[in-house]
Structures are given as structure tokens and as C-alpha cells.
Amino acid sequence: MFILGLTGSIGMGKTTAAAAFRRLGVPVHDADATVHWLMGLGGSAVSAISRHYPDCIVDGAVDRQALGARVFGNDPALKTLEGILHPLVRDAERRFLRKSALHGAALVVLDIPLLFETGAEDRCDAVAVVSAPDFVQRQRVMRRPGMTAEKMASIMGRQMADADKCGRADFVIQTGQGRADTLRTIKEIVRLVQGQPGAKWPPAPDNLHSSE
């Protein structure tokens, strides 16, 4: 099973690219969606987060807006939150990979926003980076509800520069020329890698149950 990592900085169009892979029948594991599920009602992260940030729990779920305000610009608080979430996300990722392998998937995508920043490329056979011109990125991001220039700068400050990501990528998916162009690139990536044997799954026995 070939594991393709998918990443890209904020506003680059990664969500659209992931949806295109899904439409082509490729299973996609969305790390961000997993985080939202973990912090939702009954989610595995709620109890641990409540011990550190009890005021951010509302009706049995994490109020993501309140939590974001607590950790925004606060590196120690962010590290604490990441220490809670990252192992749980990794566990969910491994369950996804096991299920996909059992169903005979030849190719899967791991959609991970901070893929290079967290060393997750080591779990992938290849990496595709979603990119767009700077002005397109800024327009997209600043249209988001509640976004400010300060918040955008803070988010981008935690992310590797787009040029560096593209330089380390096996594939670059440009999203600034319209969806048709993006889809053509993604179809070509799938054509190139779908029949290739993957070297990352199954993992070595020592890594099968390890967490971040």
C-alpha cells in the first residue's frame, strides 16, 4: 500500500485537493477532521483538555474558539495541547491505515497540515505539497471568518515556508490556476503512484504502536 502525504500552508487549497483525491476513490485520512472529532462530544481528548483548560469545555465538548484564544500566542499552552492531541491523532491514523490495508487499498493519502514540521514525511512513501501564489493565499485566508493579519502571521510563523515545502516535495499541486488544472495534476499523481509498492506499510514492529 502506497502512502502519499498531502500538505500545504494555510490558504493553499489543501482541502480542495484532498476532496479531489476522495472523488478519485483514494482513501484520505484528515488530521484536522480527526482533531475536531477528538474534541467533540464524547471525543477522546475532551477529558485531558478539561484538566488543563476546564473553562473551554461546554456541554461535554471543547469550545474550539475559546481554546484557540487560550493557546494563541502562548507557546507553552500550545505545546501542552499538542502533547494531548498528537498521540491520539497518530492512533487514529494507524487505525485508518490498518482498515485501508484490510480493504485492499493500493493508495492512501495522509492529509497532515504540519507534515514536514512534525517529521511525518518519514511515515510516507512520497509527499505532495499544495501551493498557490502569495497573493492568492492571502486573499483566501483573509476571507475566513474571524481572521486578522496578526492571526495569519502567527499561523504562518509556525509553518515551514511554502518554497521550502515545495523544494522537499515529490509532487507540487498548484491551485492558483483553477480547479480543472488542479484536478489534472492530481489525476496524474494518482496514475504515477497507484501501482507502486509502498515501503512504509506495514511498519516495523517497533513502530506499530508507538505514539508521538
N, C-alpha and C. Protein backbone atom coordinates (compact mmCIF):
# COMPACT_ATOMS: atom_id res chain seq x y z
N MET A 1 0.84 -1.19 0.00
CA MET A 1 0.00 0.00 0.00
C MET A 1 0.88 1.24 0.00
N PHE A 2 0.67 2.12 -0.95
CA PHE A 2 1.48 3.33 -1.09
C PHE A 2 0.85 4.45 -0.27
N ILE A 3 1.66 5.09 0.57
CA ILE A 3 1.18 6.17 1.44
C ILE A 3 1.69 7.50 0.89
N LEU A 4 0.75 8.34 0.48
CA LEU A 4 1.09 9.67 -0.04
C LEU A 4 0.74 10.71 1.00
N GLY A 5 1.71 11.47 1.44
CA GLY A 5 1.45 12.57 2.35
C GLY A 5 0.97 13.79 1.56
N LEU A 6 -0.02 14.47 2.10
CA LEU A 6 -0.55 15.68 1.47
C LEU A 6 -0.46 16.81 2.48
N THR A 7 0.19 17.91 2.08
CA THR A 7 0.34 19.02 3.00
C THR A 7 0.35 20.33 2.23
N GLY A 8 0.34 21.41 2.95
CA GLY A 8 0.36 22.74 2.35
C GLY A 8 0.03 23.76 3.41
N SER A 9 0.54 24.95 3.25
CA SER A 9 0.32 26.01 4.23
C SER A 9 -1.13 26.48 4.17
N ILE A 10 -1.51 27.26 5.16
CA ILE A 10 -2.87 27.78 5.25
C ILE A 10 -3.24 28.54 3.97
N GLY A 11 -4.44 28.30 3.48
CA GLY A 11 -4.94 29.02 2.32
C GLY A 11 -4.43 28.55 0.98
N MET A 12 -3.72 27.44 0.94
CA MET A 12 -3.15 26.97 -0.32
C MET A 12 -4.10 26.08 -1.12
N GLY A 13 -5.19 25.63 -0.51
CA GLY A 13 -6.15 24.80 -1.23
C GLY A 13 -6.04 23.32 -0.93
N LYS A 14 -5.49 22.97 0.23
CA LYS A 14 -5.30 21.56 0.57
C LYS A 14 -6.62 20.82 0.74
N THR A 15 -7.62 21.50 1.30
CA THR A 15 -8.92 20.85 1.48
C THR A 15 -9.53 20.48 0.14
N THR A 16 -9.42 21.39 -0.83
CA THR A 16 -9.93 21.11 -2.17
C THR A 16 -9.18 19.95 -2.80
N ALA A 17 -7.86 19.92 -2.63
CA ALA A 17 -7.06 18.83 -3.19
C ALA A 17 -7.44 17.49 -2.55
N ALA A 18 -7.61 17.48 -1.24
CA ALA A 18 -7.99 16.24 -0.55
C ALA A 18 -9.34 15.73 -1.07
N ALA A 19 -10.27 16.65 -1.29
CA ALA A 19 -11.58 16.25 -1.81
C ALA A 19 -11.46 15.65 -3.21
N ALA A 20 -10.53 16.16 -4.01
CA ALA A 20 -10.31 15.62 -5.35
C ALA A 20 -9.78 14.19 -5.28
N PHE A 21 -8.85 13.93 -4.35
CA PHE A 21 -8.36 12.56 -4.17
C PHE A 21 -9.51 11.63 -3.79
N ARG A 22 -10.37 12.10 -2.90
CA ARG A 22 -11.52 11.26 -2.49
C ARG A 22 -12.42 10.96 -3.68
N ARG A 23 -12.68 11.96 -4.52
CA ARG A 23 -13.55 11.74 -5.68
C ARG A 23 -12.95 10.74 -6.65
N LEU A 24 -11.63 10.61 -6.63
CA LEU A 24 -10.96 9.62 -7.47
C LEU A 24 -10.90 8.25 -6.81
N GLY A 25 -11.52 8.13 -5.65
CA GLY A 25 -11.59 6.83 -4.97
C GLY A 25 -10.43 6.53 -4.05
N VAL A 26 -9.61 7.53 -3.75
CA VAL A 26 -8.46 7.31 -2.87
C VAL A 26 -8.87 7.60 -1.42
N PRO A 27 -8.69 6.65 -0.51
CA PRO A 27 -8.99 6.92 0.90
C PRO A 27 -8.08 8.01 1.46
N VAL A 28 -8.67 8.95 2.19
CA VAL A 28 -7.91 10.08 2.74
C VAL A 28 -8.15 10.15 4.25
N HIS A 29 -7.06 10.25 4.99
CA HIS A 29 -7.16 10.49 6.44
C HIS A 29 -6.87 11.95 6.70
N ASP A 30 -7.84 12.66 7.27
CA ASP A 30 -7.75 14.09 7.50
C ASP A 30 -7.39 14.34 8.95
N ALA A 31 -6.17 14.79 9.21
CA ALA A 31 -5.72 15.01 10.58
C ALA A 31 -6.52 16.10 11.27
N ASP A 32 -6.87 17.17 10.55
CA ASP A 32 -7.66 18.25 11.14
C ASP A 32 -9.04 17.77 11.54
N ALA A 33 -9.69 17.01 10.65
CA ALA A 33 -11.02 16.49 10.96
C ALA A 33 -10.97 15.56 12.16
N THR A 34 -9.87 14.80 12.28
CA THR A 34 -9.70 13.92 13.43
C THR A 34 -9.61 14.72 14.72
N VAL A 35 -8.89 15.84 14.68
CA VAL A 35 -8.78 16.70 15.86
C VAL A 35 -10.15 17.22 16.27
N HIS A 36 -10.95 17.65 15.30
CA HIS A 36 -12.29 18.15 15.62
C HIS A 36 -13.14 17.05 16.26
N TRP A 37 -13.01 15.82 15.73
CA TRP A 37 -13.76 14.70 16.30
C TRP A 37 -13.28 14.39 17.72
N LEU A 38 -11.99 14.44 17.95
CA LEU A 38 -11.44 14.15 19.28
C LEU A 38 -11.91 15.17 20.32
N MET A 39 -12.16 16.41 19.88
CA MET A 39 -12.57 17.45 20.81
C MET A 39 -14.08 17.63 20.87
N GLY A 40 -14.82 16.86 20.08
CA GLY A 40 -16.27 16.94 20.09
C GLY A 40 -16.87 16.15 21.23
N LEU A 41 -18.19 16.16 21.31
CA LEU A 41 -18.91 15.45 22.37
C LEU A 41 -18.53 13.98 22.37
N GLY A 42 -18.03 13.48 23.49
CA GLY A 42 -17.61 12.10 23.59
C GLY A 42 -16.23 11.83 23.05
N GLY A 43 -15.53 12.86 22.57
CA GLY A 43 -14.22 12.68 21.98
C GLY A 43 -13.16 12.30 23.00
N SER A 44 -12.14 11.58 22.56
CA SER A 44 -11.12 11.05 23.46
C SER A 44 -10.24 12.12 24.09
N ALA A 45 -10.21 13.32 23.50
CA ALA A 45 -9.33 14.37 24.03
C ALA A 45 -10.02 15.27 25.05
N VAL A 46 -11.33 15.17 25.17
CA VAL A 46 -12.07 16.12 25.99
C VAL A 46 -11.64 16.07 27.46
N SER A 47 -11.51 14.87 27.98
CA SER A 47 -11.17 14.73 29.40
C SER A 47 -9.81 15.35 29.71
N ALA A 48 -8.80 15.03 28.88
CA ALA A 48 -7.46 15.56 29.14
C ALA A 48 -7.42 17.08 28.97
N ILE A 49 -8.11 17.60 27.98
CA ILE A 49 -8.14 19.05 27.78
C ILE A 49 -8.84 19.73 28.93
N SER A 50 -9.88 19.10 29.46
CA SER A 50 -10.63 19.71 30.57
C SER A 50 -9.77 19.85 31.82
N ARG A 51 -8.77 18.97 31.99
CA ARG A 51 -7.90 19.08 33.16
C ARG A 51 -7.01 20.32 33.08
N HIS A 52 -6.65 20.71 31.88
CA HIS A 52 -5.78 21.88 31.70
C HIS A 52 -6.58 23.16 31.45
N TYR A 53 -7.70 23.04 30.74
CA TYR A 53 -8.48 24.21 30.35
C TYR A 53 -9.97 23.95 30.62
N PRO A 54 -10.35 23.81 31.89
CA PRO A 54 -11.75 23.46 32.21
C PRO A 54 -12.75 24.49 31.71
N ASP A 55 -12.34 25.75 31.59
CA ASP A 55 -13.25 26.78 31.14
C ASP A 55 -13.52 26.71 29.64
N CYS A 56 -12.81 25.82 28.95
CA CYS A 56 -13.01 25.68 27.50
C CYS A 56 -13.92 24.50 27.15
N ILE A 57 -14.53 23.90 28.17
CA ILE A 57 -15.44 22.78 27.94
C ILE A 57 -16.88 23.28 28.08
N VAL A 58 -17.67 23.05 27.05
CA VAL A 58 -19.07 23.47 27.04
C VAL A 58 -19.94 22.29 26.63
N ASP A 59 -20.86 21.89 27.53
CA ASP A 59 -21.79 20.79 27.24
C ASP A 59 -21.06 19.52 26.80
N GLY A 60 -19.95 19.23 27.46
CA GLY A 60 -19.25 17.98 27.21
C GLY A 60 -18.33 17.96 26.01
N ALA A 61 -18.14 19.10 25.37
CA ALA A 61 -17.25 19.19 24.22
C ALA A 61 -16.33 20.39 24.39
N VAL A 62 -15.26 20.41 23.62
CA VAL A 62 -14.32 21.52 23.68
C VAL A 62 -14.84 22.67 22.82
N ASP A 63 -14.90 23.84 23.43
CA ASP A 63 -15.22 25.05 22.68
C ASP A 63 -13.94 25.47 21.96
N ARG A 64 -13.84 25.15 20.66
CA ARG A 64 -12.60 25.35 19.93
C ARG A 64 -12.22 26.83 19.84
N GLN A 65 -13.22 27.70 19.78
CA GLN A 65 -12.91 29.12 19.71
C GLN A 65 -12.29 29.61 21.02
N ALA A 66 -12.85 29.16 22.15
CA ALA A 66 -12.31 29.54 23.44
C ALA A 66 -10.91 28.95 23.64
N LEU A 67 -10.74 27.70 23.22
CA LEU A 67 -9.43 27.05 23.36
C LEU A 67 -8.40 27.75 22.49
N GLY A 68 -8.80 28.12 21.27
CA GLY A 68 -7.89 28.82 20.39
C GLY A 68 -7.42 30.13 21.00
N ALA A 69 -8.35 30.83 21.66
CA ALA A 69 -7.98 32.09 22.31
C ALA A 69 -7.00 31.87 23.45
N ARG A 70 -7.11 30.71 24.14
CA ARG A 70 -6.21 30.41 25.25
C ARG A 70 -4.80 30.11 24.77
N VAL A 71 -4.67 29.41 23.63
CA VAL A 71 -3.35 28.97 23.20
C VAL A 71 -2.73 29.92 22.16
N PHE A 72 -3.51 30.83 21.60
CA PHE A 72 -3.00 31.75 20.58
C PHE A 72 -1.88 32.61 21.16
N GLY A 73 -0.69 32.52 20.56
CA GLY A 73 0.45 33.30 21.03
C GLY A 73 1.06 32.81 22.32
N ASN A 74 0.63 31.63 22.81
CA ASN A 74 1.12 31.09 24.07
C ASN A 74 1.79 29.75 23.77
N ASP A 75 3.08 29.76 23.53
CA ASP A 75 3.78 28.55 23.11
C ASP A 75 3.69 27.41 24.12
N PRO A 76 3.87 27.66 25.42
CA PRO A 76 3.75 26.55 26.38
C PRO A 76 2.37 25.91 26.36
N ALA A 77 1.33 26.74 26.27
CA ALA A 77 -0.03 26.21 26.22
C ALA A 77 -0.26 25.39 24.95
N LEU A 78 0.28 25.88 23.85
CA LEU A 78 0.15 25.15 22.58
C LEU A 78 0.87 23.82 22.64
N LYS A 79 2.05 23.80 23.26
CA LYS A 79 2.80 22.55 23.39
C LYS A 79 2.02 21.54 24.23
N THR A 80 1.38 22.04 25.30
CA THR A 80 0.58 21.15 26.14
C THR A 80 -0.56 20.55 25.34
N LEU A 81 -1.23 21.38 24.55
CA LEU A 81 -2.35 20.89 23.74
C LEU A 81 -1.87 19.88 22.70
N GLU A 82 -0.75 20.18 22.07
CA GLU A 82 -0.21 19.25 21.07
C GLU A 82 0.18 17.92 21.71
N GLY A 83 0.68 17.98 22.95
CA GLY A 83 1.04 16.76 23.65
C GLY A 83 -0.16 15.87 23.93
N ILE A 84 -1.33 16.48 24.05
CA ILE A 84 -2.57 15.72 24.23
C ILE A 84 -3.05 15.15 22.90
N LEU A 85 -3.05 16.00 21.88
CA LEU A 85 -3.70 15.65 20.62
C LEU A 85 -2.87 14.75 19.71
N HIS A 86 -1.57 15.01 19.62
CA HIS A 86 -0.76 14.29 18.63
C HIS A 86 -0.79 12.78 18.79
N PRO A 87 -0.63 12.23 20.00
CA PRO A 87 -0.69 10.76 20.12
C PRO A 87 -2.05 10.20 19.72
N LEU A 88 -3.12 10.92 20.02
CA LEU A 88 -4.46 10.44 19.67
C LEU A 88 -4.67 10.48 18.16
N VAL A 89 -4.15 11.52 17.52
CA VAL A 89 -4.26 11.60 16.06
C VAL A 89 -3.46 10.48 15.40
N ARG A 90 -2.28 10.19 15.94
CA ARG A 90 -1.47 9.10 15.40
C ARG A 90 -2.19 7.76 15.55
N ASP A 91 -2.83 7.54 16.68
CA ASP A 91 -3.59 6.31 16.87
C ASP A 91 -4.70 6.18 15.81
N ALA A 92 -5.40 7.28 15.57
CA ALA A 92 -6.47 7.27 14.56
C ALA A 92 -5.89 7.02 13.17
N GLU A 93 -4.73 7.60 12.91
CA GLU A 93 -4.07 7.39 11.61
C GLU A 93 -3.72 5.92 11.42
N ARG A 94 -3.18 5.28 12.44
CA ARG A 94 -2.84 3.87 12.33
C ARG A 94 -4.08 3.01 12.11
N ARG A 95 -5.17 3.35 12.78
CA ARG A 95 -6.42 2.59 12.56
C ARG A 95 -6.88 2.74 11.11
N PHE A 96 -6.76 3.95 10.58
CA PHE A 96 -7.13 4.20 9.19
C PHE A 96 -6.27 3.37 8.24
N LEU A 97 -4.97 3.32 8.50
CA LEU A 97 -4.07 2.56 7.63
C LEU A 97 -4.36 1.07 7.69
N ARG A 98 -4.60 0.57 8.90
CA ARG A 98 -4.92 -0.86 9.03
C ARG A 98 -6.21 -1.19 8.27
N LYS A 99 -7.22 -0.36 8.44
CA LYS A 99 -8.51 -0.59 7.77
C LYS A 99 -8.35 -0.52 6.26
N SER A 100 -7.60 0.46 5.78
CA SER A 100 -7.40 0.61 4.34
C SER A 100 -6.66 -0.59 3.77
N ALA A 101 -5.64 -1.06 4.50
CA ALA A 101 -4.88 -2.23 4.03
C ALA A 101 -5.77 -3.46 3.98
N LEU A 102 -6.61 -3.64 4.99
CA LEU A 102 -7.52 -4.79 5.02
C LEU A 102 -8.50 -4.76 3.85
N HIS A 103 -8.87 -3.56 3.42
CA HIS A 103 -9.80 -3.42 2.29
C HIS A 103 -9.08 -3.44 0.94
N GLY A 104 -7.77 -3.66 0.96
CA GLY A 104 -7.03 -3.82 -0.27
C GLY A 104 -6.69 -2.53 -1.00
N ALA A 105 -6.66 -1.41 -0.28
CA ALA A 105 -6.33 -0.14 -0.92
C ALA A 105 -4.89 -0.16 -1.45
N ALA A 106 -4.71 0.29 -2.69
CA ALA A 106 -3.37 0.36 -3.27
C ALA A 106 -2.70 1.68 -2.94
N LEU A 107 -3.51 2.71 -2.67
CA LEU A 107 -3.00 4.06 -2.41
C LEU A 107 -3.88 4.72 -1.36
N VAL A 108 -3.26 5.36 -0.38
CA VAL A 108 -3.98 6.17 0.60
C VAL A 108 -3.28 7.51 0.74
N VAL A 109 -4.02 8.50 1.21
CA VAL A 109 -3.47 9.83 1.42
C VAL A 109 -3.57 10.19 2.90
N LEU A 110 -2.47 10.70 3.45
CA LEU A 110 -2.48 11.24 4.80
C LEU A 110 -2.44 12.76 4.68
N ASP A 111 -3.56 13.40 4.98
CA ASP A 111 -3.70 14.86 4.90
C ASP A 111 -3.25 15.44 6.24
N ILE A 112 -2.03 16.01 6.28
CA ILE A 112 -1.43 16.48 7.52
C ILE A 112 -0.92 17.90 7.33
N PRO A 113 -1.56 18.89 7.94
CA PRO A 113 -1.14 20.28 7.73
C PRO A 113 0.32 20.55 8.06
N LEU A 114 0.80 20.05 9.19
CA LEU A 114 2.18 20.28 9.61
C LEU A 114 3.04 19.05 9.36
N LEU A 115 2.96 18.51 8.18
CA LEU A 115 3.62 17.25 7.86
C LEU A 115 5.14 17.36 8.01
N PHE A 116 5.75 18.31 7.32
CA PHE A 116 7.20 18.46 7.42
C PHE A 116 7.62 18.96 8.80
N GLU A 117 6.81 19.85 9.37
CA GLU A 117 7.15 20.44 10.66
C GLU A 117 7.20 19.40 11.78
N THR A 118 6.44 18.32 11.64
CA THR A 118 6.40 17.28 12.68
C THR A 118 7.15 16.01 12.28
N GLY A 119 7.82 16.03 11.14
CA GLY A 119 8.56 14.85 10.70
C GLY A 119 7.71 13.73 10.16
N ALA A 120 6.46 14.02 9.83
CA ALA A 120 5.55 12.97 9.36
C ALA A 120 5.90 12.44 7.98
N GLU A 121 6.78 13.15 7.25
CA GLU A 121 7.18 12.63 5.94
C GLU A 121 7.86 11.28 6.04
N ASP A 122 8.41 10.96 7.22
CA ASP A 122 9.06 9.67 7.42
C ASP A 122 8.05 8.52 7.38
N ARG A 123 6.77 8.83 7.55
CA ARG A 123 5.73 7.80 7.51
C ARG A 123 5.11 7.67 6.11
N CYS A 124 5.62 8.42 5.14
CA CYS A 124 5.03 8.46 3.81
C CYS A 124 6.03 7.97 2.77
N ASP A 125 5.49 7.37 1.71
CA ASP A 125 6.34 6.95 0.59
C ASP A 125 6.66 8.12 -0.33
N ALA A 126 5.80 9.11 -0.37
CA ALA A 126 6.03 10.32 -1.16
C ALA A 126 5.15 11.41 -0.56
N VAL A 127 5.48 12.65 -0.90
CA VAL A 127 4.74 13.80 -0.36
C VAL A 127 4.33 14.73 -1.50
N ALA A 128 3.07 15.15 -1.47
CA ALA A 128 2.56 16.15 -2.41
C ALA A 128 2.27 17.43 -1.62
N VAL A 129 2.79 18.54 -2.09
CA VAL A 129 2.56 19.84 -1.46
C VAL A 129 1.60 20.66 -2.31
N VAL A 130 0.59 21.22 -1.66
CA VAL A 130 -0.36 22.09 -2.33
C VAL A 130 0.13 23.53 -2.19
N SER A 131 0.20 24.25 -3.30
CA SER A 131 0.77 25.58 -3.30
C SER A 131 -0.06 26.53 -4.15
N ALA A 132 0.15 27.83 -3.92
CA ALA A 132 -0.53 28.88 -4.69
C ALA A 132 0.30 30.15 -4.54
N PRO A 133 0.13 31.11 -5.44
CA PRO A 133 0.86 32.38 -5.30
C PRO A 133 0.51 33.08 -3.98
N ASP A 134 1.45 33.89 -3.49
CA ASP A 134 1.27 34.56 -2.21
C ASP A 134 -0.01 35.39 -2.15
N PHE A 135 -0.31 36.12 -3.22
CA PHE A 135 -1.48 36.99 -3.17
C PHE A 135 -2.77 36.18 -3.14
N VAL A 136 -2.78 35.02 -3.78
CA VAL A 136 -3.96 34.14 -3.73
C VAL A 136 -4.12 33.59 -2.32
N GLN A 137 -3.03 33.15 -1.73
CA GLN A 137 -3.08 32.64 -0.37
C GLN A 137 -3.64 33.69 0.59
N ARG A 138 -3.13 34.91 0.52
CA ARG A 138 -3.59 35.96 1.42
C ARG A 138 -5.07 36.26 1.22
N GLN A 139 -5.52 36.34 -0.01
CA GLN A 139 -6.93 36.60 -0.28
C GLN A 139 -7.81 35.51 0.33
N ARG A 140 -7.42 34.26 0.15
CA ARG A 140 -8.20 33.15 0.68
C ARG A 140 -8.27 33.19 2.21
N VAL A 141 -7.11 33.40 2.83
CA VAL A 141 -7.05 33.36 4.29
C VAL A 141 -7.82 34.52 4.90
N MET A 142 -7.66 35.71 4.37
CA MET A 142 -8.30 36.88 4.96
C MET A 142 -9.80 36.89 4.77
N ARG A 143 -10.32 36.03 3.91
CA ARG A 143 -11.78 35.90 3.76
C ARG A 143 -12.39 35.02 4.85
N ARG A 144 -11.56 34.32 5.61
CA ARG A 144 -12.09 33.41 6.63
C ARG A 144 -12.68 34.21 7.80
N PRO A 145 -13.79 33.73 8.36
CA PRO A 145 -14.41 34.44 9.49
C PRO A 145 -13.45 34.57 10.67
N GLY A 146 -13.37 35.75 11.22
CA GLY A 146 -12.54 35.98 12.40
C GLY A 146 -11.06 36.10 12.13
N MET A 147 -10.64 36.03 10.88
CA MET A 147 -9.22 36.10 10.57
C MET A 147 -8.74 37.55 10.61
N THR A 148 -7.54 37.73 11.15
CA THR A 148 -6.88 39.03 11.16
C THR A 148 -5.48 38.86 10.62
N ALA A 149 -4.86 39.98 10.26
CA ALA A 149 -3.48 39.92 9.76
C ALA A 149 -2.55 39.36 10.83
N GLU A 150 -2.80 39.71 12.09
CA GLU A 150 -1.97 39.21 13.19
C GLU A 150 -2.10 37.70 13.33
N LYS A 151 -3.33 37.22 13.26
CA LYS A 151 -3.56 35.79 13.40
C LYS A 151 -2.94 35.02 12.24
N MET A 152 -3.10 35.56 11.03
CA MET A 152 -2.49 34.90 9.87
C MET A 152 -0.98 34.83 10.01
N ALA A 153 -0.36 35.93 10.46
CA ALA A 153 1.09 35.95 10.64
C ALA A 153 1.53 34.93 11.68
N SER A 154 0.74 34.79 12.76
CA SER A 154 1.08 33.83 13.81
C SER A 154 1.00 32.40 13.29
N ILE A 155 -0.06 32.10 12.51
CA ILE A 155 -0.22 30.76 11.95
C ILE A 155 0.92 30.44 11.00
N MET A 156 1.23 31.39 10.11
CA MET A 156 2.28 31.15 9.13
C MET A 156 3.66 31.07 9.78
N GLY A 157 3.80 31.72 10.95
CA GLY A 157 5.05 31.64 11.67
C GLY A 157 5.35 30.26 12.21
N ARG A 158 4.33 29.43 12.36
CA ARG A 158 4.51 28.06 12.83
C ARG A 158 4.66 27.07 11.68
N GLN A 159 4.51 27.56 10.46
CA GLN A 159 4.56 26.69 9.30
C GLN A 159 5.84 26.93 8.50
N MET A 160 6.37 25.86 7.95
CA MET A 160 7.53 25.98 7.07
C MET A 160 7.16 26.82 5.85
N ALA A 161 8.10 27.60 5.36
CA ALA A 161 7.84 28.44 4.20
C ALA A 161 7.43 27.58 3.01
N ASP A 162 6.51 28.12 2.21
CA ASP A 162 5.99 27.38 1.06
C ASP A 162 7.11 26.94 0.12
N ALA A 163 8.07 27.81 -0.15
CA ALA A 163 9.17 27.47 -1.05
C ALA A 163 9.97 26.28 -0.52
N ASP A 164 10.16 26.23 0.79
CA ASP A 164 10.90 25.11 1.39
C ASP A 164 10.11 23.82 1.27
N LYS A 165 8.79 23.91 1.49
CA LYS A 165 7.95 22.72 1.34
C LYS A 165 8.00 22.20 -0.09
N CYS A 166 7.84 23.10 -1.02
CA CYS A 166 7.85 22.69 -2.43
C CYS A 166 9.20 22.08 -2.81
N GLY A 167 10.28 22.60 -2.23
CA GLY A 167 11.61 22.07 -2.51
C GLY A 167 11.81 20.66 -1.98
N ARG A 168 11.06 20.29 -0.94
CA ARG A 168 11.19 18.96 -0.35
C ARG A 168 10.16 17.98 -0.89
N ALA A 169 9.21 18.46 -1.68
CA ALA A 169 8.10 17.63 -2.14
C ALA A 169 8.50 16.74 -3.31
N ASP A 170 7.80 15.61 -3.40
CA ASP A 170 7.91 14.76 -4.59
C ASP A 170 6.99 15.28 -5.70
N PHE A 171 5.88 15.89 -5.29
CA PHE A 171 4.93 16.46 -6.23
C PHE A 171 4.45 17.81 -5.69
N VAL A 172 4.20 18.76 -6.59
CA VAL A 172 3.63 20.05 -6.20
C VAL A 172 2.31 20.22 -6.95
N ILE A 173 1.26 20.52 -6.20
CA ILE A 173 -0.08 20.72 -6.76
C ILE A 173 -0.38 22.21 -6.70
N GLN A 174 -0.36 22.87 -7.85
CA GLN A 174 -0.65 24.30 -7.90
C GLN A 174 -2.17 24.51 -7.97
N THR A 175 -2.68 25.39 -7.13
CA THR A 175 -4.13 25.61 -7.09
C THR A 175 -4.54 27.01 -7.53
N GLY A 176 -3.59 27.79 -8.02
CA GLY A 176 -3.92 29.16 -8.39
C GLY A 176 -4.44 29.32 -9.80
N GLN A 177 -4.48 28.22 -10.59
CA GLN A 177 -4.90 28.31 -11.99
C GLN A 177 -6.29 27.71 -12.22
N GLY A 178 -7.03 27.47 -11.15
CA GLY A 178 -8.37 26.92 -11.30
C GLY A 178 -8.43 25.44 -10.97
N ARG A 179 -9.65 24.97 -10.68
CA ARG A 179 -9.82 23.59 -10.22
C ARG A 179 -9.54 22.57 -11.31
N ALA A 180 -9.82 22.90 -12.56
CA ALA A 180 -9.57 21.94 -13.63
C ALA A 180 -8.08 21.62 -13.73
N ASP A 181 -7.25 22.63 -13.62
CA ASP A 181 -5.80 22.43 -13.67
C ASP A 181 -5.34 21.62 -12.46
N THR A 182 -5.89 21.94 -11.29
CA THR A 182 -5.54 21.20 -10.07
C THR A 182 -5.91 19.73 -10.21
N LEU A 183 -7.11 19.47 -10.73
CA LEU A 183 -7.57 18.09 -10.86
C LEU A 183 -6.71 17.30 -11.84
N ARG A 184 -6.28 17.93 -12.91
CA ARG A 184 -5.39 17.24 -13.87
C ARG A 184 -4.09 16.82 -13.19
N THR A 185 -3.55 17.69 -12.37
CA THR A 185 -2.31 17.36 -11.65
C THR A 185 -2.53 16.19 -10.71
N ILE A 186 -3.64 16.22 -9.98
CA ILE A 186 -3.92 15.16 -9.01
C ILE A 186 -4.15 13.83 -9.72
N LYS A 187 -4.86 13.84 -10.83
CA LYS A 187 -5.06 12.60 -11.60
C LYS A 187 -3.73 12.02 -12.06
N GLU A 188 -2.82 12.89 -12.46
CA GLU A 188 -1.51 12.42 -12.91
C GLU A 188 -0.71 11.83 -11.74
N ILE A 189 -0.81 12.45 -10.58
CA ILE A 189 -0.12 11.90 -9.39
C ILE A 189 -0.66 10.51 -9.08
N VAL A 190 -1.97 10.37 -9.07
CA VAL A 190 -2.58 9.07 -8.79
C VAL A 190 -2.12 8.04 -9.82
N ARG A 191 -2.08 8.42 -11.08
CA ARG A 191 -1.64 7.50 -12.13
C ARG A 191 -0.21 7.03 -11.89
N LEU A 192 0.62 7.95 -11.45
CA LEU A 192 2.04 7.64 -11.27
C LEU A 192 2.32 6.75 -10.08
N VAL A 193 1.58 6.92 -8.99
CA VAL A 193 1.94 6.23 -7.75
C VAL A 193 1.04 5.06 -7.39
N GLN A 194 -0.14 4.98 -7.98
CA GLN A 194 -1.10 3.98 -7.51
C GLN A 194 -0.60 2.55 -7.67
N GLY A 195 0.17 2.28 -8.70
CA GLY A 195 0.65 0.91 -8.90
C GLY A 195 1.99 0.62 -8.26
N GLN A 196 2.56 1.60 -7.59
CA GLN A 196 3.87 1.40 -6.99
C GLN A 196 3.76 0.72 -5.62
N PRO A 197 4.69 -0.17 -5.30
CA PRO A 197 4.67 -0.77 -3.95
C PRO A 197 5.10 0.25 -2.91
N GLY A 198 4.45 0.24 -1.78
CA GLY A 198 4.81 1.14 -0.69
C GLY A 198 5.79 0.48 0.25
N ALA A 199 6.68 1.29 0.82
CA ALA A 199 7.68 0.75 1.74
C ALA A 199 7.36 1.06 3.20
N LYS A 200 6.29 1.82 3.46
CA LYS A 200 6.01 2.28 4.82
C LYS A 200 4.92 1.49 5.53
N TRP A 201 4.19 0.65 4.79
CA TRP A 201 3.16 -0.16 5.43
C TRP A 201 3.25 -1.59 4.92
N PRO A 202 3.24 -2.57 5.84
CA PRO A 202 3.14 -2.39 7.29
C PRO A 202 4.44 -1.84 7.88
N PRO A 203 4.33 -1.10 8.99
CA PRO A 203 5.52 -0.53 9.62
C PRO A 203 6.33 -1.60 10.34
N ALA A 204 7.54 -1.22 10.71
CA ALA A 204 8.36 -2.13 11.51
C ALA A 204 7.65 -2.41 12.83
N PRO A 205 7.78 -3.63 13.37
CA PRO A 205 7.07 -3.98 14.61
C PRO A 205 7.30 -3.00 15.74
N ASP A 206 8.49 -2.42 15.84
CA ASP A 206 8.79 -1.49 16.95
C ASP A 206 7.99 -0.21 16.82
N ASN A 207 7.55 0.14 15.58
CA ASN A 207 6.85 1.40 15.37
C ASN A 207 5.35 1.24 15.29
N LEU A 208 4.87 0.01 15.32
CA LEU A 208 3.45 -0.24 15.09
C LEU A 208 2.56 0.41 16.12
N HIS A 209 3.02 0.45 17.36
CA HIS A 209 2.19 1.00 18.43
C HIS A 209 2.80 2.24 19.07
N SER A 210 3.82 2.80 18.44
CA SER A 210 4.45 3.98 19.03
C SER A 210 3.60 5.21 18.82
N SER A 211 3.71 6.17 19.73
CA SER A 211 2.98 7.43 19.62
C SER A 211 3.98 8.56 19.59
N GLU A 212 3.49 9.73 19.09
CA GLU A 212 4.34 10.92 19.08
C GLU A 212 4.56 11.40 20.50
